[in-house]
Amino acid sequence: MNPVRLIVRTYYERLHERMEADRERLIDCIDVLLPAEIARQKFGPLRGDQVEAYREACHAFIDERLETYNPVGIQYTFDRGASSQAAELELQLDWYDSRREFQTLVTAARALAGETDTPDERLTELADELIRQVGAFPDGSIIAGYLAKPALQKLPDYLVASAIEQVICGRKPERR
């Protein structure tokens, strides 16, 4: 397998490991961000059960993202052709466009891989550096899409992306 692909796979594995270890911190972060964002965007007033529904959606989105990054998850059970078809379908279903962000991720991984073969013992270090440089894919696209046009239906994706950037990547998401 080529070094860039190895680094990107290790990047997803490291994100999965970090999210699994810090799941409770992600949930705590969501609990702080949710009411603050509802107030900031003036989405209210929302009843308690409505806020709880958004909180539960965020928790489900955390689990979905964990599965997306899972190194033994469903994305590794299909051949490359089916995998690329799934990626195209996902681009059609999502409200944000992450193609440019993915290209940035691959370009950064390529720069980290350099000209020579990447030794296996450096993969974790390189993946951690990739996380520091670009954050967790596709958080940048989700955050930018939400900030361009905030909406309640985008709120769970946005909050999870923001929490992952803060807790898992140690980055503060940009705000307007």
N, C-alpha and C. Protein backbone atom coordinates (compact mmCIF):
# COMPACT_ATOMS: atom_id res chain seq x y z
N MET A 1 0.85 -1.17 0.00
CA MET A 1 0.00 0.00 0.00
C MET A 1 0.90 1.24 0.00
N ASN A 2 0.48 2.26 -0.71
CA ASN A 2 1.33 3.45 -0.80
C ASN A 2 1.32 4.23 0.52
N PRO A 3 2.37 5.00 0.77
CA PRO A 3 2.52 5.70 2.05
C PRO A 3 1.38 6.70 2.35
N VAL A 4 0.89 7.38 1.34
CA VAL A 4 -0.19 8.35 1.57
C VAL A 4 -1.44 7.63 2.07
N ARG A 5 -1.79 6.55 1.41
CA ARG A 5 -2.97 5.78 1.83
C ARG A 5 -2.79 5.24 3.25
N LEU A 6 -1.59 4.78 3.58
CA LEU A 6 -1.32 4.28 4.93
C LEU A 6 -1.49 5.38 5.98
N ILE A 7 -0.98 6.56 5.67
CA ILE A 7 -1.10 7.67 6.61
C ILE A 7 -2.57 8.05 6.80
N VAL A 8 -3.33 8.11 5.71
CA VAL A 8 -4.74 8.48 5.81
C VAL A 8 -5.52 7.43 6.59
N ARG A 9 -5.24 6.16 6.36
CA ARG A 9 -5.92 5.12 7.13
C ARG A 9 -5.57 5.20 8.60
N THR A 10 -4.31 5.45 8.89
CA THR A 10 -3.88 5.59 10.28
C THR A 10 -4.51 6.83 10.90
N TYR A 11 -4.65 7.88 10.13
CA TYR A 11 -5.33 9.10 10.56
C TYR A 11 -6.76 8.78 11.03
N TYR A 12 -7.52 8.03 10.23
CA TYR A 12 -8.87 7.65 10.61
C TYR A 12 -8.86 6.77 11.86
N GLU A 13 -7.91 5.86 11.94
CA GLU A 13 -7.80 4.99 13.12
C GLU A 13 -7.51 5.81 14.38
N ARG A 14 -6.62 6.79 14.27
CA ARG A 14 -6.29 7.64 15.42
C ARG A 14 -7.50 8.48 15.84
N LEU A 15 -8.25 8.99 14.86
CA LEU A 15 -9.47 9.72 15.20
C LEU A 15 -10.45 8.82 15.93
N HIS A 16 -10.59 7.60 15.47
CA HIS A 16 -11.48 6.64 16.13
C HIS A 16 -11.02 6.37 17.56
N GLU A 17 -9.74 6.12 17.73
CA GLU A 17 -9.20 5.85 19.07
C GLU A 17 -9.44 7.04 20.00
N ARG A 18 -9.16 8.23 19.52
CA ARG A 18 -9.33 9.43 20.34
C ARG A 18 -10.80 9.66 20.68
N MET A 19 -11.68 9.48 19.71
CA MET A 19 -13.10 9.69 19.97
C MET A 19 -13.65 8.65 20.94
N GLU A 20 -13.21 7.42 20.79
CA GLU A 20 -13.65 6.37 21.70
C GLU A 20 -13.21 6.68 23.13
N ALA A 21 -11.96 7.12 23.28
CA ALA A 21 -11.41 7.43 24.60
C ALA A 21 -12.07 8.66 25.21
N ASP A 22 -12.46 9.63 24.38
CA ASP A 22 -12.98 10.91 24.88
C ASP A 22 -14.46 11.11 24.58
N ARG A 23 -15.20 10.03 24.41
CA ARG A 23 -16.62 10.14 24.07
C ARG A 23 -17.38 10.96 25.11
N GLU A 24 -17.12 10.72 26.39
CA GLU A 24 -17.82 11.46 27.45
C GLU A 24 -17.48 12.95 27.41
N ARG A 25 -16.24 13.28 27.12
CA ARG A 25 -15.86 14.69 26.98
C ARG A 25 -16.57 15.33 25.79
N LEU A 26 -16.74 14.58 24.71
CA LEU A 26 -17.49 15.09 23.55
C LEU A 26 -18.94 15.39 23.95
N ILE A 27 -19.55 14.48 24.69
CA ILE A 27 -20.93 14.67 25.13
C ILE A 27 -21.03 15.88 26.05
N ASP A 28 -20.07 16.02 26.97
CA ASP A 28 -20.06 17.18 27.86
C ASP A 28 -19.92 18.48 27.07
N CYS A 29 -19.09 18.46 26.05
CA CYS A 29 -18.90 19.64 25.20
C CYS A 29 -20.20 19.99 24.47
N ILE A 30 -20.87 18.98 23.94
CA ILE A 30 -22.16 19.18 23.26
C ILE A 30 -23.15 19.82 24.23
N ASP A 31 -23.16 19.34 25.48
CA ASP A 31 -24.10 19.88 26.47
C ASP A 31 -23.88 21.36 26.75
N VAL A 32 -22.65 21.83 26.55
CA VAL A 32 -22.35 23.25 26.72
C VAL A 32 -22.66 24.01 25.43
N LEU A 33 -22.25 23.44 24.29
CA LEU A 33 -22.41 24.13 23.01
C LEU A 33 -23.87 24.26 22.57
N LEU A 34 -24.69 23.25 22.83
CA LEU A 34 -26.07 23.23 22.33
C LEU A 34 -26.90 24.43 22.81
N PRO A 35 -27.05 24.64 24.11
CA PRO A 35 -27.86 25.80 24.51
C PRO A 35 -27.24 27.13 24.10
N ALA A 36 -25.92 27.19 24.09
CA ALA A 36 -25.24 28.43 23.69
C ALA A 36 -25.52 28.76 22.22
N GLU A 37 -25.48 27.74 21.36
CA GLU A 37 -25.71 27.98 19.93
C GLU A 37 -27.18 28.28 19.64
N ILE A 38 -28.08 27.64 20.36
CA ILE A 38 -29.51 27.93 20.20
C ILE A 38 -29.76 29.40 20.54
N ALA A 39 -29.17 29.86 21.62
CA ALA A 39 -29.33 31.27 22.03
C ALA A 39 -28.64 32.21 21.05
N ARG A 40 -27.42 31.86 20.63
CA ARG A 40 -26.66 32.73 19.73
C ARG A 40 -27.37 32.93 18.40
N GLN A 41 -27.96 31.86 17.88
CA GLN A 41 -28.64 31.94 16.58
C GLN A 41 -30.11 32.34 16.72
N LYS A 42 -30.56 32.49 17.96
CA LYS A 42 -31.97 32.83 18.23
C LYS A 42 -32.92 31.81 17.61
N PHE A 43 -32.57 30.52 17.79
CA PHE A 43 -33.41 29.44 17.29
C PHE A 43 -34.61 29.19 18.22
N GLY A 44 -34.58 29.75 19.39
CA GLY A 44 -35.61 29.50 20.39
C GLY A 44 -36.81 30.39 20.22
N PRO A 45 -37.75 30.29 21.12
CA PRO A 45 -37.64 29.39 22.26
C PRO A 45 -37.98 27.96 21.86
N LEU A 46 -37.20 27.04 22.39
CA LEU A 46 -37.46 25.62 22.17
C LEU A 46 -37.88 25.00 23.51
N ARG A 47 -38.84 24.09 23.43
CA ARG A 47 -39.26 23.37 24.64
C ARG A 47 -38.14 22.43 25.07
N GLY A 48 -38.18 22.01 26.30
CA GLY A 48 -37.18 21.10 26.84
C GLY A 48 -37.07 19.81 26.04
N ASP A 49 -38.20 19.27 25.59
CA ASP A 49 -38.16 18.03 24.82
C ASP A 49 -37.53 18.24 23.45
N GLN A 50 -37.69 19.45 22.90
CA GLN A 50 -37.06 19.75 21.62
C GLN A 50 -35.54 19.84 21.77
N VAL A 51 -35.09 20.51 22.81
CA VAL A 51 -33.65 20.61 23.07
C VAL A 51 -33.09 19.21 23.31
N GLU A 52 -33.82 18.40 24.05
CA GLU A 52 -33.36 17.03 24.32
C GLU A 52 -33.27 16.22 23.02
N ALA A 53 -34.19 16.44 22.10
CA ALA A 53 -34.14 15.74 20.81
C ALA A 53 -32.88 16.13 20.03
N TYR A 54 -32.50 17.40 20.08
CA TYR A 54 -31.26 17.82 19.42
C TYR A 54 -30.04 17.22 20.12
N ARG A 55 -30.08 17.16 21.44
CA ARG A 55 -28.98 16.55 22.20
C ARG A 55 -28.84 15.07 21.80
N GLU A 56 -29.95 14.36 21.73
CA GLU A 56 -29.92 12.95 21.36
C GLU A 56 -29.42 12.77 19.92
N ALA A 57 -29.81 13.68 19.04
CA ALA A 57 -29.31 13.62 17.66
C ALA A 57 -27.79 13.80 17.65
N CYS A 58 -27.29 14.71 18.45
CA CYS A 58 -25.84 14.91 18.54
C CYS A 58 -25.14 13.65 19.02
N HIS A 59 -25.71 13.00 20.02
CA HIS A 59 -25.12 11.76 20.53
C HIS A 59 -25.11 10.69 19.44
N ALA A 60 -26.18 10.61 18.68
CA ALA A 60 -26.24 9.64 17.57
C ALA A 60 -25.20 9.99 16.51
N PHE A 61 -25.00 11.27 16.24
CA PHE A 61 -24.01 11.69 15.25
C PHE A 61 -22.59 11.39 15.72
N ILE A 62 -22.36 11.46 17.03
CA ILE A 62 -21.05 11.06 17.57
C ILE A 62 -20.82 9.58 17.28
N ASP A 63 -21.85 8.76 17.54
CA ASP A 63 -21.73 7.32 17.28
C ASP A 63 -21.53 7.05 15.79
N GLU A 64 -22.23 7.81 14.95
CA GLU A 64 -22.09 7.65 13.50
C GLU A 64 -20.65 7.98 13.06
N ARG A 65 -20.11 9.06 13.61
CA ARG A 65 -18.74 9.45 13.26
C ARG A 65 -17.74 8.41 13.76
N LEU A 66 -17.97 7.88 14.96
CA LEU A 66 -17.12 6.81 15.47
C LEU A 66 -17.10 5.63 14.50
N GLU A 67 -18.25 5.28 14.00
CA GLU A 67 -18.33 4.15 13.06
C GLU A 67 -17.66 4.50 11.73
N THR A 68 -17.76 5.76 11.31
CA THR A 68 -17.11 6.19 10.08
C THR A 68 -15.60 6.02 10.17
N TYR A 69 -15.05 6.34 11.34
CA TYR A 69 -13.60 6.25 11.53
C TYR A 69 -13.14 4.87 11.96
N ASN A 70 -14.05 3.97 12.27
CA ASN A 70 -13.72 2.65 12.78
C ASN A 70 -12.84 1.88 11.78
N PRO A 71 -11.64 1.47 12.21
CA PRO A 71 -10.73 0.78 11.28
C PRO A 71 -11.24 -0.57 10.81
N VAL A 72 -12.20 -1.15 11.50
CA VAL A 72 -12.79 -2.41 11.03
C VAL A 72 -14.25 -2.20 10.66
N GLY A 73 -14.59 -0.97 10.35
CA GLY A 73 -15.96 -0.61 10.01
C GLY A 73 -16.33 -1.02 8.60
N ILE A 74 -17.54 -0.65 8.24
CA ILE A 74 -18.11 -1.07 6.97
C ILE A 74 -17.36 -0.53 5.76
N GLN A 75 -16.67 0.62 5.90
CA GLN A 75 -15.98 1.20 4.76
C GLN A 75 -14.84 0.30 4.26
N TYR A 76 -14.39 -0.65 5.09
CA TYR A 76 -13.30 -1.53 4.68
C TYR A 76 -13.80 -2.88 4.15
N THR A 77 -15.12 -3.08 4.13
CA THR A 77 -15.64 -4.36 3.70
C THR A 77 -15.97 -4.41 2.21
N PHE A 78 -15.92 -3.28 1.53
CA PHE A 78 -16.24 -3.23 0.12
C PHE A 78 -14.98 -3.00 -0.70
N ASP A 79 -15.03 -3.43 -1.96
CA ASP A 79 -13.89 -3.16 -2.84
C ASP A 79 -13.83 -1.68 -3.17
N ARG A 80 -12.76 -1.27 -3.78
CA ARG A 80 -12.52 0.15 -4.06
C ARG A 80 -13.63 0.78 -4.92
N GLY A 81 -14.15 0.05 -5.90
CA GLY A 81 -15.21 0.58 -6.76
C GLY A 81 -16.47 0.88 -5.97
N ALA A 82 -16.91 -0.04 -5.14
CA ALA A 82 -18.11 0.18 -4.32
C ALA A 82 -17.87 1.31 -3.32
N SER A 83 -16.65 1.39 -2.82
CA SER A 83 -16.31 2.44 -1.86
C SER A 83 -16.40 3.82 -2.51
N SER A 84 -15.93 3.96 -3.73
CA SER A 84 -16.00 5.26 -4.40
C SER A 84 -17.45 5.60 -4.76
N GLN A 85 -18.26 4.60 -5.09
CA GLN A 85 -19.68 4.85 -5.35
C GLN A 85 -20.37 5.31 -4.07
N ALA A 86 -20.02 4.72 -2.94
CA ALA A 86 -20.59 5.13 -1.66
C ALA A 86 -20.20 6.56 -1.34
N ALA A 87 -18.97 6.94 -1.63
CA ALA A 87 -18.50 8.30 -1.38
C ALA A 87 -19.28 9.30 -2.24
N GLU A 88 -19.53 8.97 -3.50
CA GLU A 88 -20.31 9.85 -4.37
C GLU A 88 -21.74 10.00 -3.87
N LEU A 89 -22.34 8.90 -3.42
CA LEU A 89 -23.69 8.95 -2.88
C LEU A 89 -23.73 9.83 -1.63
N GLU A 90 -22.72 9.69 -0.77
CA GLU A 90 -22.66 10.51 0.44
C GLU A 90 -22.58 12.00 0.09
N LEU A 91 -21.80 12.35 -0.93
CA LEU A 91 -21.71 13.75 -1.35
C LEU A 91 -23.07 14.29 -1.81
N GLN A 92 -23.89 13.43 -2.41
CA GLN A 92 -25.20 13.86 -2.87
C GLN A 92 -26.17 14.03 -1.70
N LEU A 93 -25.99 13.23 -0.64
CA LEU A 93 -26.92 13.26 0.48
C LEU A 93 -26.59 14.33 1.51
N ASP A 94 -25.33 14.66 1.68
CA ASP A 94 -24.93 15.63 2.68
C ASP A 94 -25.27 17.05 2.24
N TRP A 95 -25.53 17.93 3.19
CA TRP A 95 -25.84 19.33 2.90
C TRP A 95 -24.59 20.16 2.73
N TYR A 96 -23.44 19.58 2.92
CA TYR A 96 -22.16 20.27 2.76
C TYR A 96 -21.33 19.53 1.71
N ASP A 97 -20.41 20.24 1.10
CA ASP A 97 -19.54 19.65 0.08
C ASP A 97 -18.14 19.53 0.66
N SER A 98 -17.67 18.31 0.84
CA SER A 98 -16.38 18.09 1.51
C SER A 98 -15.26 17.69 0.53
N ARG A 99 -15.51 17.78 -0.76
CA ARG A 99 -14.49 17.35 -1.73
C ARG A 99 -13.19 18.14 -1.59
N ARG A 100 -13.28 19.44 -1.47
CA ARG A 100 -12.08 20.28 -1.35
C ARG A 100 -11.33 19.95 -0.05
N GLU A 101 -12.08 19.76 1.02
CA GLU A 101 -11.45 19.42 2.30
C GLU A 101 -10.74 18.07 2.21
N PHE A 102 -11.35 17.10 1.52
CA PHE A 102 -10.70 15.81 1.37
C PHE A 102 -9.40 15.95 0.57
N GLN A 103 -9.44 16.77 -0.46
CA GLN A 103 -8.23 16.99 -1.25
C GLN A 103 -7.14 17.63 -0.39
N THR A 104 -7.50 18.54 0.48
CA THR A 104 -6.55 19.15 1.40
C THR A 104 -5.95 18.09 2.33
N LEU A 105 -6.78 17.20 2.81
CA LEU A 105 -6.32 16.10 3.66
C LEU A 105 -5.29 15.24 2.93
N VAL A 106 -5.60 14.85 1.71
CA VAL A 106 -4.69 14.01 0.92
C VAL A 106 -3.39 14.75 0.60
N THR A 107 -3.49 16.02 0.26
CA THR A 107 -2.30 16.82 -0.03
C THR A 107 -1.40 16.91 1.20
N ALA A 108 -1.99 17.15 2.36
CA ALA A 108 -1.21 17.22 3.60
C ALA A 108 -0.58 15.87 3.92
N ALA A 109 -1.32 14.78 3.70
CA ALA A 109 -0.77 13.43 3.93
C ALA A 109 0.39 13.16 2.97
N ARG A 110 0.24 13.60 1.74
CA ARG A 110 1.30 13.42 0.75
C ARG A 110 2.56 14.17 1.17
N ALA A 111 2.40 15.39 1.68
CA ALA A 111 3.54 16.18 2.15
C ALA A 111 4.22 15.50 3.33
N LEU A 112 3.43 14.91 4.22
CA LEU A 112 4.00 14.21 5.37
C LEU A 112 4.71 12.93 4.94
N ALA A 113 4.18 12.28 3.92
CA ALA A 113 4.79 11.03 3.45
C ALA A 113 6.15 11.28 2.82
N GLY A 114 6.30 12.44 2.19
CA GLY A 114 7.57 12.77 1.56
C GLY A 114 7.84 11.91 0.35
N GLU A 115 9.09 11.84 0.00
CA GLU A 115 9.51 11.13 -1.22
C GLU A 115 9.78 9.66 -1.00
N THR A 116 10.04 9.26 0.23
CA THR A 116 10.45 7.87 0.49
C THR A 116 9.33 7.10 1.17
N ASP A 117 9.52 5.80 1.29
CA ASP A 117 8.56 4.97 2.00
C ASP A 117 8.49 5.39 3.47
N THR A 118 7.29 5.38 3.99
CA THR A 118 7.08 5.75 5.39
C THR A 118 7.21 4.51 6.25
N PRO A 119 8.13 4.52 7.22
CA PRO A 119 8.24 3.35 8.10
C PRO A 119 6.99 3.19 8.96
N ASP A 120 6.58 1.95 9.17
CA ASP A 120 5.37 1.67 9.95
C ASP A 120 5.41 2.29 11.33
N GLU A 121 6.59 2.33 11.95
CA GLU A 121 6.69 2.87 13.31
C GLU A 121 6.44 4.38 13.36
N ARG A 122 6.44 5.06 12.24
CA ARG A 122 6.18 6.51 12.21
C ARG A 122 4.73 6.85 11.84
N LEU A 123 3.93 5.85 11.47
CA LEU A 123 2.58 6.12 11.00
C LEU A 123 1.72 6.84 12.03
N THR A 124 1.77 6.41 13.28
CA THR A 124 0.96 7.04 14.32
C THR A 124 1.39 8.49 14.51
N GLU A 125 2.67 8.73 14.55
CA GLU A 125 3.20 10.10 14.68
C GLU A 125 2.75 10.98 13.52
N LEU A 126 2.83 10.44 12.31
CA LEU A 126 2.42 11.20 11.13
C LEU A 126 0.91 11.45 11.11
N ALA A 127 0.13 10.45 11.54
CA ALA A 127 -1.32 10.62 11.60
C ALA A 127 -1.69 11.68 12.63
N ASP A 128 -1.02 11.69 13.77
CA ASP A 128 -1.28 12.71 14.79
C ASP A 128 -0.92 14.10 14.26
N GLU A 129 0.15 14.19 13.51
CA GLU A 129 0.53 15.47 12.91
C GLU A 129 -0.52 15.91 11.88
N LEU A 130 -1.05 14.97 11.13
CA LEU A 130 -2.10 15.27 10.15
C LEU A 130 -3.34 15.80 10.86
N ILE A 131 -3.70 15.20 11.99
CA ILE A 131 -4.83 15.69 12.78
C ILE A 131 -4.57 17.11 13.25
N ARG A 132 -3.36 17.38 13.71
CA ARG A 132 -3.01 18.75 14.15
C ARG A 132 -3.13 19.74 12.99
N GLN A 133 -2.71 19.33 11.82
CA GLN A 133 -2.69 20.24 10.67
C GLN A 133 -4.07 20.50 10.09
N VAL A 134 -4.86 19.45 9.90
CA VAL A 134 -6.11 19.61 9.15
C VAL A 134 -7.38 19.34 9.96
N GLY A 135 -7.23 18.89 11.20
CA GLY A 135 -8.42 18.57 11.99
C GLY A 135 -9.01 17.24 11.56
N ALA A 136 -10.27 17.04 11.88
CA ALA A 136 -10.95 15.78 11.58
C ALA A 136 -11.87 15.98 10.38
N PHE A 137 -11.62 15.24 9.33
CA PHE A 137 -12.45 15.29 8.13
C PHE A 137 -13.83 14.72 8.45
N PRO A 138 -14.92 15.33 8.06
CA PRO A 138 -15.15 16.52 7.26
C PRO A 138 -15.59 17.74 8.08
N ASP A 139 -15.02 17.90 9.28
CA ASP A 139 -15.45 18.99 10.17
C ASP A 139 -15.37 20.37 9.53
N GLY A 140 -14.30 20.65 8.82
CA GLY A 140 -14.15 21.97 8.21
C GLY A 140 -15.29 22.30 7.27
N SER A 141 -15.71 21.33 6.47
CA SER A 141 -16.81 21.55 5.52
C SER A 141 -18.13 21.72 6.25
N ILE A 142 -18.35 20.93 7.30
CA ILE A 142 -19.58 21.04 8.07
C ILE A 142 -19.67 22.41 8.74
N ILE A 143 -18.58 22.81 9.39
CA ILE A 143 -18.57 24.09 10.11
C ILE A 143 -18.76 25.25 9.13
N ALA A 144 -18.05 25.23 8.02
CA ALA A 144 -18.18 26.31 7.02
C ALA A 144 -19.59 26.36 6.45
N GLY A 145 -20.17 25.21 6.15
CA GLY A 145 -21.53 25.17 5.60
C GLY A 145 -22.56 25.70 6.58
N TYR A 146 -22.40 25.35 7.84
CA TYR A 146 -23.32 25.85 8.86
C TYR A 146 -23.17 27.35 9.05
N LEU A 147 -21.93 27.81 9.17
CA LEU A 147 -21.71 29.23 9.40
C LEU A 147 -22.19 30.08 8.23
N ALA A 148 -22.13 29.53 7.01
CA ALA A 148 -22.61 30.27 5.84
C ALA A 148 -24.12 30.44 5.88
N LYS A 149 -24.81 29.44 6.43
CA LYS A 149 -26.27 29.50 6.48
C LYS A 149 -26.76 28.64 7.65
N PRO A 150 -26.72 29.20 8.87
CA PRO A 150 -27.16 28.44 10.05
C PRO A 150 -28.62 28.01 9.92
N ALA A 151 -28.87 26.79 10.35
CA ALA A 151 -30.24 26.26 10.35
C ALA A 151 -30.34 25.15 11.38
N LEU A 152 -31.52 25.00 11.95
CA LEU A 152 -31.71 23.97 12.98
C LEU A 152 -31.38 22.57 12.48
N GLN A 153 -31.72 22.26 11.22
CA GLN A 153 -31.45 20.91 10.73
C GLN A 153 -29.96 20.63 10.59
N LYS A 154 -29.14 21.66 10.53
CA LYS A 154 -27.69 21.50 10.44
C LYS A 154 -27.03 21.48 11.82
N LEU A 155 -27.78 21.88 12.84
CA LEU A 155 -27.23 22.08 14.17
C LEU A 155 -26.51 20.85 14.74
N PRO A 156 -27.10 19.64 14.72
CA PRO A 156 -26.38 18.49 15.29
C PRO A 156 -25.03 18.22 14.60
N ASP A 157 -25.01 18.26 13.27
CA ASP A 157 -23.75 18.07 12.54
C ASP A 157 -22.72 19.11 12.98
N TYR A 158 -23.16 20.36 13.03
CA TYR A 158 -22.27 21.46 13.39
C TYR A 158 -21.72 21.30 14.80
N LEU A 159 -22.58 20.98 15.74
CA LEU A 159 -22.14 20.84 17.13
C LEU A 159 -21.17 19.68 17.30
N VAL A 160 -21.44 18.57 16.65
CA VAL A 160 -20.53 17.42 16.73
C VAL A 160 -19.19 17.78 16.10
N ALA A 161 -19.22 18.42 14.94
CA ALA A 161 -17.96 18.83 14.29
C ALA A 161 -17.18 19.79 15.19
N SER A 162 -17.87 20.74 15.80
CA SER A 162 -17.21 21.70 16.68
C SER A 162 -16.62 21.01 17.90
N ALA A 163 -17.38 20.09 18.49
CA ALA A 163 -16.90 19.36 19.67
C ALA A 163 -15.69 18.50 19.32
N ILE A 164 -15.72 17.83 18.17
CA ILE A 164 -14.58 17.00 17.76
C ILE A 164 -13.35 17.87 17.56
N GLU A 165 -13.52 19.00 16.91
CA GLU A 165 -12.37 19.88 16.70
C GLU A 165 -11.78 20.34 18.03
N GLN A 166 -12.63 20.68 18.99
CA GLN A 166 -12.15 21.15 20.28
C GLN A 166 -11.54 20.03 21.12
N VAL A 167 -12.28 18.96 21.31
CA VAL A 167 -11.89 17.90 22.25
C VAL A 167 -10.86 16.95 21.64
N ILE A 168 -11.07 16.52 20.43
CA ILE A 168 -10.23 15.49 19.82
C ILE A 168 -9.01 16.09 19.13
N CYS A 169 -9.20 17.21 18.45
CA CYS A 169 -8.11 17.80 17.66
C CYS A 169 -7.41 18.95 18.37
N GLY A 170 -7.98 19.44 19.47
CA GLY A 170 -7.38 20.55 20.19
C GLY A 170 -7.38 21.85 19.40
N ARG A 171 -8.40 22.03 18.56
CA ARG A 171 -8.50 23.22 17.69
C ARG A 171 -9.79 23.96 18.04
N LYS A 172 -9.75 25.24 17.95
CA LYS A 172 -10.94 26.05 18.18
C LYS A 172 -11.57 26.36 16.82
N PRO A 173 -12.80 25.87 16.58
CA PRO A 173 -13.46 26.15 15.30
C PRO A 173 -13.69 27.64 15.10
N GLU A 174 -13.59 28.06 13.86
CA GLU A 174 -13.83 29.47 13.54
C GLU A 174 -15.31 29.79 13.68
N ARG A 175 -15.58 31.00 14.12
CA ARG A 175 -16.95 31.50 14.25
C ARG A 175 -17.04 32.83 13.56
N ARG A 176 -18.22 33.19 13.18
CA ARG A 176 -18.45 34.52 12.63
C ARG A 176 -19.01 35.41 13.69
